[in-house]
Amino acid sequence: MCEEEIRRLKSELQDLRDEILALRMAIIELAYAKVTDPKFAYFDWRIRYGVAFDEEKIMRLNWVFHVLTERIKEEPIERIKSIPGISDAVLYRKGPPTYREALTLLMQALGTKNEIMVEELIESLQSQGILRELVDFLCDRKRSEVKARSEDS
């Protein structure tokens, strides 16, 4: 191939990258511009926070959901998988997680320090009826932990 052909292909590739980025932004804007249907709240959450476009984050999030679900059932975790950025010691701790622990693990899975984002994640799962056992457990734990803190004050 000649240099001019390489330059043309690189330019086309950049144009495609720009177009993909523009489409992602348009999808995110549409997600914010419309009213969220509670039946699809989790899918809407994934789009609004850009998680839908990041297969790695989806995989990490799903693994944390899986492990937390097994922990609340107090089932042994049959497969231990290390995930960069997520503490194995916390993720695979024995027994049900605290709400704070679950929040931290979900933030690590998403690579964020934004607790509101993760609380909205839990609310969206609840609204869409996904992972009911885990979500109900986390909501109960949150209420218990908030109540305990208010009684200590």
Protein backbone atom coordinates (compact mmCIF):
# COMPACT_ATOMS: atom_id res chain seq x y z
CA MET A 1 0.00 0.00 0.00
CA CYS A 2 1.17 3.47 -0.67
CA GLU A 3 1.39 6.20 1.94
CA GLU A 4 -1.57 8.07 0.52
CA GLU A 5 -3.80 4.99 0.84
CA ILE A 6 -2.64 4.53 4.45
CA ARG A 7 -3.45 8.19 5.21
CA ARG A 8 -6.89 7.80 3.62
CA LEU A 9 -7.63 4.66 5.68
CA LYS A 10 -6.45 6.33 8.88
CA SER A 11 -8.69 9.29 8.11
CA GLU A 12 -11.68 6.98 7.50
CA LEU A 13 -10.93 5.15 10.73
CA GLN A 14 -10.86 8.44 12.66
CA ASP A 15 -14.12 9.50 11.01
CA LEU A 16 -15.72 6.22 12.15
CA ARG A 17 -14.42 6.71 15.70
CA ASP A 18 -15.85 10.24 15.73
CA GLU A 19 -19.19 8.98 14.45
CA ILE A 20 -19.35 6.24 17.09
CA LEU A 21 -18.62 8.79 19.81
CA ALA A 22 -21.30 11.12 18.44
CA LEU A 23 -23.81 8.26 18.39
CA ARG A 24 -22.97 7.32 21.98
CA MET A 25 -23.48 10.92 23.07
CA ALA A 26 -26.81 11.09 21.20
CA ILE A 27 -27.98 7.88 22.90
CA ILE A 28 -27.02 9.25 26.32
CA GLU A 29 -28.81 12.53 25.58
CA LEU A 30 -31.91 10.63 24.47
CA ALA A 31 -31.81 8.61 27.69
CA TYR A 32 -31.87 11.83 29.71
CA ALA A 33 -34.46 13.53 27.51
CA LYS A 34 -37.11 10.86 27.90
CA VAL A 35 -39.11 9.63 30.85
CA THR A 36 -37.69 6.38 32.18
CA ASP A 37 -40.07 3.45 31.93
CA PRO A 38 -39.75 1.63 35.30
CA LYS A 39 -39.87 -1.69 33.40
CA PHE A 40 -36.51 -0.76 31.86
CA ALA A 41 -34.94 1.35 34.61
CA TYR A 42 -31.73 -0.71 34.81
CA PHE A 43 -31.15 -0.57 31.06
CA ASP A 44 -31.78 3.18 31.18
CA TRP A 45 -29.28 3.51 34.06
CA ARG A 46 -26.64 1.64 32.04
CA ILE A 47 -27.07 4.04 29.12
CA ARG A 48 -27.18 7.23 31.21
CA TYR A 49 -23.92 6.34 32.93
CA GLY A 50 -22.23 4.99 29.79
CA VAL A 51 -21.92 1.49 31.26
CA ALA A 52 -23.82 0.00 28.32
CA PHE A 53 -20.89 0.89 26.08
CA ASP A 54 -18.24 -0.72 28.32
CA GLU A 55 -18.26 -4.52 28.16
CA GLU A 56 -15.52 -4.73 30.81
CA LYS A 57 -17.61 -2.78 33.35
CA ILE A 58 -20.67 -4.91 32.60
CA MET A 59 -18.63 -8.08 33.16
CA ARG A 60 -17.16 -6.74 36.43
CA LEU A 61 -20.56 -5.58 37.66
CA ASN A 62 -22.20 -8.92 36.84
CA TRP A 63 -19.44 -10.79 38.68
CA VAL A 64 -19.87 -8.64 41.79
CA PHE A 65 -23.66 -9.20 41.60
CA HIS A 66 -23.03 -12.95 41.40
CA VAL A 67 -20.65 -13.05 44.36
CA LEU A 68 -22.84 -10.82 46.53
CA THR A 69 -25.86 -13.00 45.75
CA GLU A 70 -23.96 -16.12 46.75
CA ARG A 71 -22.78 -14.41 49.94
CA ILE A 72 -26.29 -13.46 51.04
CA LYS A 73 -27.35 -17.07 50.49
CA GLU A 74 -24.24 -18.00 52.49
CA GLU A 75 -23.27 -20.36 49.69
CA PRO A 76 -19.61 -21.16 49.09
CA ILE A 77 -18.14 -19.30 46.13
CA GLU A 78 -17.04 -22.11 43.84
CA ARG A 79 -14.95 -20.01 41.50
CA ILE A 80 -12.65 -17.26 42.73
CA LYS A 81 -11.81 -14.73 40.07
CA SER A 82 -9.51 -11.79 40.74
CA ILE A 83 -10.67 -8.57 39.17
CA PRO A 84 -8.25 -5.64 39.01
CA GLY A 85 -9.41 -2.77 41.19
CA ILE A 86 -11.67 -4.94 43.36
CA SER A 87 -10.43 -6.18 46.71
CA ASP A 88 -10.47 -9.99 46.78
CA ALA A 89 -10.39 -9.89 50.60
CA VAL A 90 -13.62 -7.85 50.67
CA LEU A 91 -15.34 -9.46 47.68
CA TYR A 92 -14.85 -13.04 48.88
CA ARG A 93 -15.31 -12.41 52.60
CA LYS A 94 -17.48 -15.02 54.32
CA GLY A 95 -21.04 -14.18 55.19
CA PRO A 96 -23.52 -11.61 53.98
CA PRO A 97 -22.11 -8.19 53.09
CA THR A 98 -22.91 -4.98 54.88
CA TYR A 99 -24.61 -2.32 52.79
CA ARG A 100 -21.44 -0.20 52.88
CA GLU A 101 -19.34 -3.19 51.76
CA ALA A 102 -21.68 -3.89 48.82
CA LEU A 103 -21.70 -0.20 47.86
CA THR A 104 -17.89 -0.14 47.90
CA LEU A 105 -17.62 -3.30 45.78
CA LEU A 106 -20.09 -1.96 43.22
CA MET A 107 -18.20 1.36 43.05
CA GLN A 108 -14.96 -0.55 42.51
CA ALA A 109 -16.57 -2.64 39.76
CA LEU A 110 -17.69 0.54 38.02
CA GLY A 111 -14.44 2.40 38.66
CA THR A 112 -16.20 5.29 40.39
CA LYS A 113 -16.34 7.05 43.74
CA ASN A 114 -19.86 8.28 42.99
CA GLU A 115 -22.10 6.71 45.64
CA ILE A 116 -25.20 8.34 44.18
CA MET A 117 -24.54 6.53 40.88
CA VAL A 118 -24.44 3.20 42.70
CA GLU A 119 -27.51 3.98 44.80
CA GLU A 120 -29.33 4.80 41.56
CA LEU A 121 -28.08 1.46 40.20
CA ILE A 122 -29.70 -0.37 43.11
CA GLU A 123 -32.92 1.63 42.70
CA SER A 124 -32.98 0.86 38.97
CA LEU A 125 -32.53 -2.87 39.61
CA GLN A 126 -35.37 -2.71 42.13
CA SER A 127 -37.64 -0.83 39.74
CA GLN A 128 -36.98 -3.26 36.88
CA GLY A 129 -37.31 -6.29 39.15
CA ILE A 130 -33.81 -7.61 38.47
CA LEU A 131 -31.78 -9.46 41.15
CA ARG A 132 -34.68 -9.17 43.57
CA GLU A 133 -33.13 -11.24 46.35
CA LEU A 134 -29.92 -9.20 46.33
CA VAL A 135 -31.68 -5.84 45.97
CA ASP A 136 -34.18 -6.59 48.75
CA PHE A 137 -31.32 -7.68 51.00
CA LEU A 138 -29.33 -4.51 50.26
CA CYS A 139 -32.36 -2.27 50.85
CA ASP A 140 -33.01 -3.99 54.19
CA ARG A 141 -29.35 -3.65 55.16
CA LYS A 142 -29.35 0.03 54.22
CA ARG A 143 -32.43 0.68 56.40
CA SER A 144 -30.87 -1.25 59.30
CA GLU A 145 -27.55 0.56 59.04
CA VAL A 146 -29.22 4.00 58.79
CA LYS A 147 -31.43 3.17 61.79
CA ALA A 148 -28.42 1.96 63.83
CA ARG A 149 -26.50 5.17 63.04
CA SER A 150 -29.45 7.36 64.03
CA GLU A 151 -29.84 5.49 67.33
CA ASP A 152 -26.13 5.97 68.07
CA SER A 153 -26.45 9.73 67.57
